[in-house]
Amino acid sequence: MFRRKHAPDFNSNDAEQREAKITALKDALGPLSARGEKYCSEACLKRYLEARNWNVAKSRKMLEESLKWRAAYKPEDIRWPDVSAEGETGKMYRASFRDREGRTVVVMRPTKQNTSSHEGQIRFLVYTLENAIIHLPEAQEKMVWLIDFTGWTMAHASPIKTSRETANILQNHYPERLAIAFLLNAPKVFEAFFKVIKVFLDPKTIEKVNFVYQKDEESMKVMYKYIDPEVLPVEFGGKSNVSYNHEEYSELMMKDDIKTANFWADDAKNGHANPGVNEILVPDVTPQPSLLAAKAS
């Protein structure tokens, strides 16, 4: 009997093989709307391929689901006034400092939860992610999360529905965006809760989670490898006196909203101000590539 010849294994370190996969995925998607084109930059295609181990068919399915989600949810159209009430306590924000590689740091403080609105909390999460991505420096695709659990109890635990949707959005619509996550001062009771929400998390994501404690110098050294203690706020174990100010942050977000609106305004000019699900595969004018396009994708 003849043995079936197998194609050589894919080598993710081979630039030519990677480019071939990226081209195959782009071709498989077919024509896209203007927003679809902006979202599906080469960097974006690469992230979806990495999330599905460079399987074009699986990556295409994942990306098409994200395009449908974005067309329906319109994350790029969320503005600060829509979510500012969720941010009043500083429970989640884009930090004024960056990590040692210049990456955006997103701070989350579960004990400062101030609403019970599932939809409001999800929209605030999506807004913060979109804002953090736009502020990633050139050549950086991933962000850092710093989640402060100081004072956390089970009373602060998010409903399973919210935790499940949060995990779904992060993993399926923002793949390969997390560089590393630091869970600061998580109490023992959180371990039981974490075991519950871990079932919604991808193994790759779990590997990026680091528990650190201010009273444990060795664990803090892990975080200091990524974030310079000189820029890290005192409340998180650093030396900086910077703290969240809602009025100042609101002013910053309002300015960022203008940048975001200007970027996506091309769609309005081309007659696609609010592309729906059925417009995902509609041909449109392909915008000129730009650094912002790569970041926004």
Protein backbone atom coordinates (compact mmCIF):
# COMPACT_ATOMS: atom_id res chain seq x y z
CA MET A 1 0.00 0.00 0.00
CA PHE A 2 1.08 3.52 -0.66
CA ARG A 3 1.46 5.89 2.25
CA ARG A 4 -0.38 9.16 1.95
CA LYS A 5 1.97 12.08 1.63
CA HIS A 6 1.43 14.70 4.29
CA ALA A 7 2.01 18.39 3.77
CA PRO A 8 4.94 19.68 5.78
CA ASP A 9 4.05 21.00 9.22
CA PHE A 10 3.38 24.70 9.42
CA ASN A 11 6.24 26.66 10.97
CA SER A 12 4.99 29.86 12.58
CA ASN A 13 8.56 31.18 12.61
CA ASP A 14 8.76 31.01 8.81
CA ALA A 15 7.88 34.45 7.42
CA GLU A 16 6.87 33.11 4.00
CA GLN A 17 4.54 30.53 5.52
CA ARG A 18 2.97 33.17 7.75
CA GLU A 19 2.41 35.52 4.83
CA ALA A 20 0.84 32.71 2.82
CA LYS A 21 -1.60 32.01 5.66
CA ILE A 22 -2.45 35.70 6.03
CA THR A 23 -3.08 36.01 2.29
CA ALA A 24 -5.22 32.87 2.32
CA LEU A 25 -7.34 34.23 5.17
CA LYS A 26 -7.80 37.58 3.45
CA ASP A 27 -8.85 35.88 0.23
CA ALA A 28 -11.23 33.60 2.12
CA LEU A 29 -13.02 36.57 3.66
CA GLY A 30 -13.87 38.06 0.29
CA PRO A 31 -15.03 41.68 -0.19
CA LEU A 32 -15.68 43.68 2.96
CA SER A 33 -17.35 46.92 3.94
CA ALA A 34 -15.17 49.98 4.57
CA ARG A 35 -15.15 49.31 8.30
CA GLY A 36 -14.45 45.66 7.66
CA GLU A 37 -11.44 46.64 5.57
CA LYS A 38 -10.14 48.93 8.29
CA TYR A 39 -10.56 46.29 10.92
CA CYS A 40 -9.01 43.47 8.91
CA SER A 41 -5.47 44.81 8.68
CA GLU A 42 -2.62 42.35 8.24
CA ALA A 43 -1.89 42.59 11.97
CA CYS A 44 -5.51 41.75 12.71
CA LEU A 45 -5.51 38.72 10.40
CA LYS A 46 -2.34 37.52 12.07
CA ARG A 47 -3.91 37.74 15.54
CA TYR A 48 -6.91 35.68 14.51
CA LEU A 49 -4.64 33.10 12.89
CA GLU A 50 -2.53 32.89 16.03
CA ALA A 51 -5.67 32.47 18.12
CA ARG A 52 -6.63 29.44 16.02
CA ASN A 53 -3.14 27.96 15.63
CA TRP A 54 -2.85 29.26 12.06
CA ASN A 55 -5.81 27.22 10.82
CA VAL A 56 -7.29 29.37 8.04
CA ALA A 57 -10.77 27.84 8.13
CA LYS A 58 -11.11 28.20 11.89
CA SER A 59 -9.62 31.70 11.81
CA ARG A 60 -12.03 32.75 9.10
CA LYS A 61 -15.01 31.52 11.12
CA MET A 62 -13.76 33.34 14.21
CA LEU A 63 -13.08 36.57 12.33
CA GLU A 64 -16.42 36.53 10.52
CA GLU A 65 -18.16 36.16 13.87
CA SER A 66 -16.22 39.19 15.14
CA LEU A 67 -17.16 41.20 12.06
CA LYS A 68 -20.84 40.37 12.61
CA TRP A 69 -20.52 41.29 16.27
CA ARG A 70 -18.84 44.61 15.47
CA ALA A 71 -21.45 45.43 12.82
CA ALA A 72 -24.26 44.81 15.31
CA TYR A 73 -22.64 46.15 18.51
CA LYS A 74 -20.72 49.01 16.85
CA PRO A 75 -17.93 49.29 19.45
CA GLU A 76 -16.26 52.10 17.49
CA ASP A 77 -19.41 54.22 17.88
CA ILE A 78 -19.51 54.09 21.69
CA ARG A 79 -18.62 57.48 23.14
CA TRP A 80 -17.57 58.56 26.61
CA PRO A 81 -20.92 60.21 27.50
CA ASP A 82 -22.52 56.81 26.84
CA VAL A 83 -20.43 55.11 29.53
CA SER A 84 -19.06 57.87 31.77
CA ALA A 85 -21.41 56.96 34.63
CA GLU A 86 -19.76 53.53 34.77
CA GLY A 87 -16.34 55.15 35.20
CA GLU A 88 -17.12 57.59 38.01
CA THR A 89 -15.42 55.52 40.69
CA GLY A 90 -12.35 54.61 38.63
CA LYS A 91 -13.26 50.94 38.53
CA MET A 92 -11.62 50.61 35.11
CA TYR A 93 -9.49 53.01 33.10
CA ARG A 94 -6.56 53.37 30.75
CA ALA A 95 -3.62 54.16 33.00
CA SER A 96 -1.52 57.30 32.50
CA PHE A 97 1.59 55.12 32.76
CA ARG A 98 2.80 52.34 30.47
CA ASP A 99 4.79 49.17 30.98
CA ARG A 100 8.51 48.94 30.26
CA GLU A 101 7.82 48.15 26.59
CA GLY A 102 5.55 51.15 26.19
CA ARG A 103 2.35 49.11 26.11
CA THR A 104 -1.00 50.41 27.30
CA VAL A 105 -1.93 49.41 30.85
CA VAL A 106 -5.59 48.95 31.74
CA VAL A 107 -6.39 49.19 35.45
CA MET A 108 -9.41 47.37 36.88
CA ARG A 109 -10.63 47.71 40.46
CA PRO A 110 -13.56 45.32 41.11
CA THR A 111 -14.22 46.71 44.60
CA LYS A 112 -15.21 50.04 43.03
CA GLN A 113 -18.12 48.57 41.09
CA ASN A 114 -20.84 51.23 41.11
CA THR A 115 -23.68 49.86 38.96
CA SER A 116 -25.71 46.69 38.52
CA SER A 117 -26.28 47.18 34.80
CA HIS A 118 -25.03 44.19 32.85
CA GLU A 119 -25.27 46.00 29.52
CA GLY A 120 -23.71 49.16 30.93
CA GLN A 121 -20.74 47.26 32.33
CA ILE A 122 -20.15 45.39 29.06
CA ARG A 123 -20.32 48.59 26.99
CA PHE A 124 -17.88 50.25 29.36
CA LEU A 125 -15.51 47.29 29.02
CA VAL A 126 -15.68 47.43 25.22
CA TYR A 127 -15.17 51.21 25.19
CA THR A 128 -12.10 50.89 27.41
CA LEU A 129 -10.62 48.12 25.26
CA GLU A 130 -11.12 50.09 22.05
CA ASN A 131 -9.54 53.15 23.64
CA ALA A 132 -6.60 51.15 24.98
CA ILE A 133 -5.94 49.57 21.58
CA ILE A 134 -5.89 52.91 19.76
CA HIS A 135 -3.20 54.09 22.20
CA LEU A 136 -0.88 51.14 21.69
CA PRO A 137 2.46 52.32 20.32
CA GLU A 138 3.71 51.32 16.88
CA ALA A 139 4.59 47.63 16.56
CA GLN A 140 2.75 46.79 19.80
CA GLU A 141 -0.37 44.65 19.57
CA LYS A 142 -0.99 43.73 23.20
CA MET A 143 -1.90 45.48 26.41
CA VAL A 144 -1.25 44.85 30.11
CA TRP A 145 -3.97 44.42 32.73
CA LEU A 146 -3.54 45.37 36.36
CA ILE A 147 -6.50 44.15 38.41
CA ASP A 148 -6.48 45.38 42.00
CA PHE A 149 -8.39 43.06 44.35
CA THR A 150 -7.49 44.89 47.57
CA GLY A 151 -10.49 44.59 49.88
CA TRP A 152 -12.36 42.25 47.53
CA THR A 153 -15.04 39.94 48.93
CA MET A 154 -17.59 37.65 47.31
CA ALA A 155 -20.04 40.54 47.55
CA HIS A 156 -18.00 42.21 44.80
CA ALA A 157 -18.13 39.17 42.50
CA SER A 158 -19.64 39.82 39.08
CA PRO A 159 -22.72 37.80 38.09
CA ILE A 160 -21.85 34.68 36.10
CA LYS A 161 -23.72 36.13 33.10
CA THR A 162 -21.45 39.18 33.07
CA SER A 163 -18.30 37.13 33.64
CA ARG A 164 -19.24 34.77 30.82
CA GLU A 165 -19.94 37.56 28.32
CA THR A 166 -16.78 39.41 29.37
CA ALA A 167 -14.70 36.29 28.69
CA ASN A 168 -16.48 35.71 25.39
CA ILE A 169 -15.82 39.25 24.16
CA LEU A 170 -12.20 39.31 25.27
CA GLN A 171 -11.29 35.95 23.79
CA ASN A 172 -13.41 35.83 20.66
CA HIS A 173 -13.45 39.46 19.56
CA TYR A 174 -10.13 40.75 20.95
CA PRO A 175 -7.85 37.73 20.43
CA GLU A 176 -4.16 37.98 21.18
CA ARG A 177 -4.56 41.41 22.76
CA LEU A 178 -3.41 40.48 26.26
CA ALA A 179 0.30 40.49 26.97
CA ILE A 180 0.10 39.75 30.69
CA ALA A 181 -2.32 40.26 33.58
CA PHE A 182 -1.49 40.99 37.20
CA LEU A 183 -4.04 40.14 39.88
CA LEU A 184 -2.98 42.27 42.84
CA ASN A 185 -3.77 41.33 46.44
CA ALA A 186 -6.41 38.75 45.56
CA PRO A 187 -7.84 37.25 48.79
CA LYS A 188 -8.04 33.50 49.33
CA VAL A 189 -11.79 33.56 48.78
CA PHE A 190 -11.18 34.78 45.24
CA GLU A 191 -9.41 31.52 44.41
CA ALA A 192 -12.71 29.65 44.60
CA PHE A 193 -14.39 32.24 42.40
CA PHE A 194 -11.49 32.15 39.93
CA LYS A 195 -11.90 28.39 39.59
CA VAL A 196 -15.47 29.03 38.46
CA ILE A 197 -14.63 31.68 35.85
CA LYS A 198 -11.56 29.76 34.61
CA VAL A 199 -13.89 27.44 32.70
CA PHE A 200 -14.71 30.39 30.43
CA LEU A 201 -11.05 31.22 29.81
CA ASP A 202 -8.71 29.95 27.13
CA PRO A 203 -5.66 28.08 28.49
CA LYS A 204 -3.41 30.64 26.78
CA THR A 205 -5.13 33.40 28.74
CA ILE A 206 -4.80 31.56 32.04
CA GLU A 207 -1.05 31.20 31.46
CA LYS A 208 -0.76 34.99 31.29
CA VAL A 209 -2.38 35.53 34.70
CA ASN A 210 -0.04 36.32 37.60
CA PHE A 211 -1.10 36.64 41.23
CA VAL A 212 0.99 39.29 42.99
CA TYR A 213 0.85 40.58 46.56
CA GLN A 214 2.24 43.80 47.99
CA LYS A 215 3.34 41.98 51.14
CA ASP A 216 5.25 39.43 49.07
CA GLU A 217 8.36 41.11 47.67
CA GLU A 218 9.21 38.20 45.40
CA SER A 219 5.81 38.23 43.72
CA MET A 220 5.99 42.01 43.27
CA LYS A 221 9.31 41.59 41.47
CA VAL A 222 7.38 39.75 38.76
CA MET A 223 5.25 42.83 38.17
CA TYR A 224 8.22 45.19 38.43
CA LYS A 225 9.84 43.30 35.55
CA TYR A 226 7.04 44.66 33.39
CA ILE A 227 6.08 47.91 35.12
CA ASP A 228 8.69 50.26 36.54
CA PRO A 229 7.84 50.94 40.23
CA GLU A 230 8.80 54.59 39.61
CA VAL A 231 5.69 55.06 37.42
CA LEU A 232 3.45 52.61 39.27
CA PRO A 233 1.02 54.32 41.71
CA VAL A 234 1.71 53.92 45.43
CA GLU A 235 -1.66 52.24 45.93
CA PHE A 236 -0.49 49.42 43.67
CA GLY A 237 2.89 49.01 45.31
CA GLY A 238 4.82 51.61 43.32
CA LYS A 239 6.32 55.03 44.04
CA SER A 240 4.16 57.37 41.95
CA ASN A 241 1.54 59.57 43.59
CA VAL A 242 -0.66 59.69 40.49
CA SER A 243 -4.28 58.63 41.06
CA TYR A 244 -7.51 58.44 39.09
CA ASN A 245 -9.35 61.73 38.67
CA HIS A 246 -12.71 61.32 36.97
CA GLU A 247 -12.98 64.90 35.70
CA GLU A 248 -9.52 64.87 34.17
CA TYR A 249 -10.06 61.41 32.71
CA SER A 250 -13.38 62.51 31.22
CA GLU A 251 -11.70 65.42 29.46
CA LEU A 252 -9.10 63.03 28.06
CA MET A 253 -11.74 60.59 26.84
CA MET A 254 -13.75 63.35 25.16
CA LYS A 255 -10.66 64.32 23.18
CA ASP A 256 -10.04 60.68 22.32
CA ASP A 257 -13.64 60.37 21.10
CA ILE A 258 -12.92 63.04 18.49
CA LYS A 259 -9.93 61.07 17.22
CA THR A 260 -11.99 57.88 17.07
CA ALA A 261 -14.87 59.59 15.27
CA ASN A 262 -12.52 61.14 12.72
CA PHE A 263 -10.93 57.80 12.00
CA TRP A 264 -14.19 55.98 11.37
CA ALA A 265 -15.78 58.97 9.58
CA ASP A 266 -14.62 57.63 6.19
CA ASP A 267 -17.53 55.22 6.33
CA ALA A 268 -20.03 58.03 6.55
CA LYS A 269 -18.48 59.63 3.47
CA ASN A 270 -18.77 56.37 1.60
CA GLY A 271 -22.36 55.85 2.61
CA HIS A 272 -21.67 53.30 5.31
CA ALA A 273 -22.04 55.30 8.51
CA ASN A 274 -23.53 52.33 10.34
CA PRO A 275 -22.86 49.09 8.49
CA GLY A 276 -25.16 46.27 9.56
CA VAL A 277 -24.59 42.54 9.61
CA ASN A 278 -25.56 42.20 5.95
CA GLU A 279 -22.99 44.80 4.94
CA ILE A 280 -20.01 42.82 6.21
CA LEU A 281 -19.33 41.30 2.81
CA VAL A 282 -20.44 44.28 0.71
CA PRO A 283 -17.67 45.69 -1.52
CA ASP A 284 -16.63 49.20 -0.66
CA VAL A 285 -13.85 51.68 -1.18
CA THR A 286 -10.66 50.34 0.40
CA PRO A 287 -9.08 53.01 2.61
CA GLN A 288 -5.39 53.78 2.47
CA PRO A 289 -3.49 51.80 5.10
CA SER A 290 -2.41 53.73 8.15
CA LEU A 291 -0.85 53.15 11.53
CA LEU A 292 -4.15 53.95 13.22
CA ALA A 293 -5.90 51.35 11.12
CA ALA A 294 -3.51 48.69 12.35
CA LYS A 295 -4.08 49.75 15.95
CA ALA A 296 -7.86 49.97 15.65
CA SER A 297 -8.12 46.47 14.19
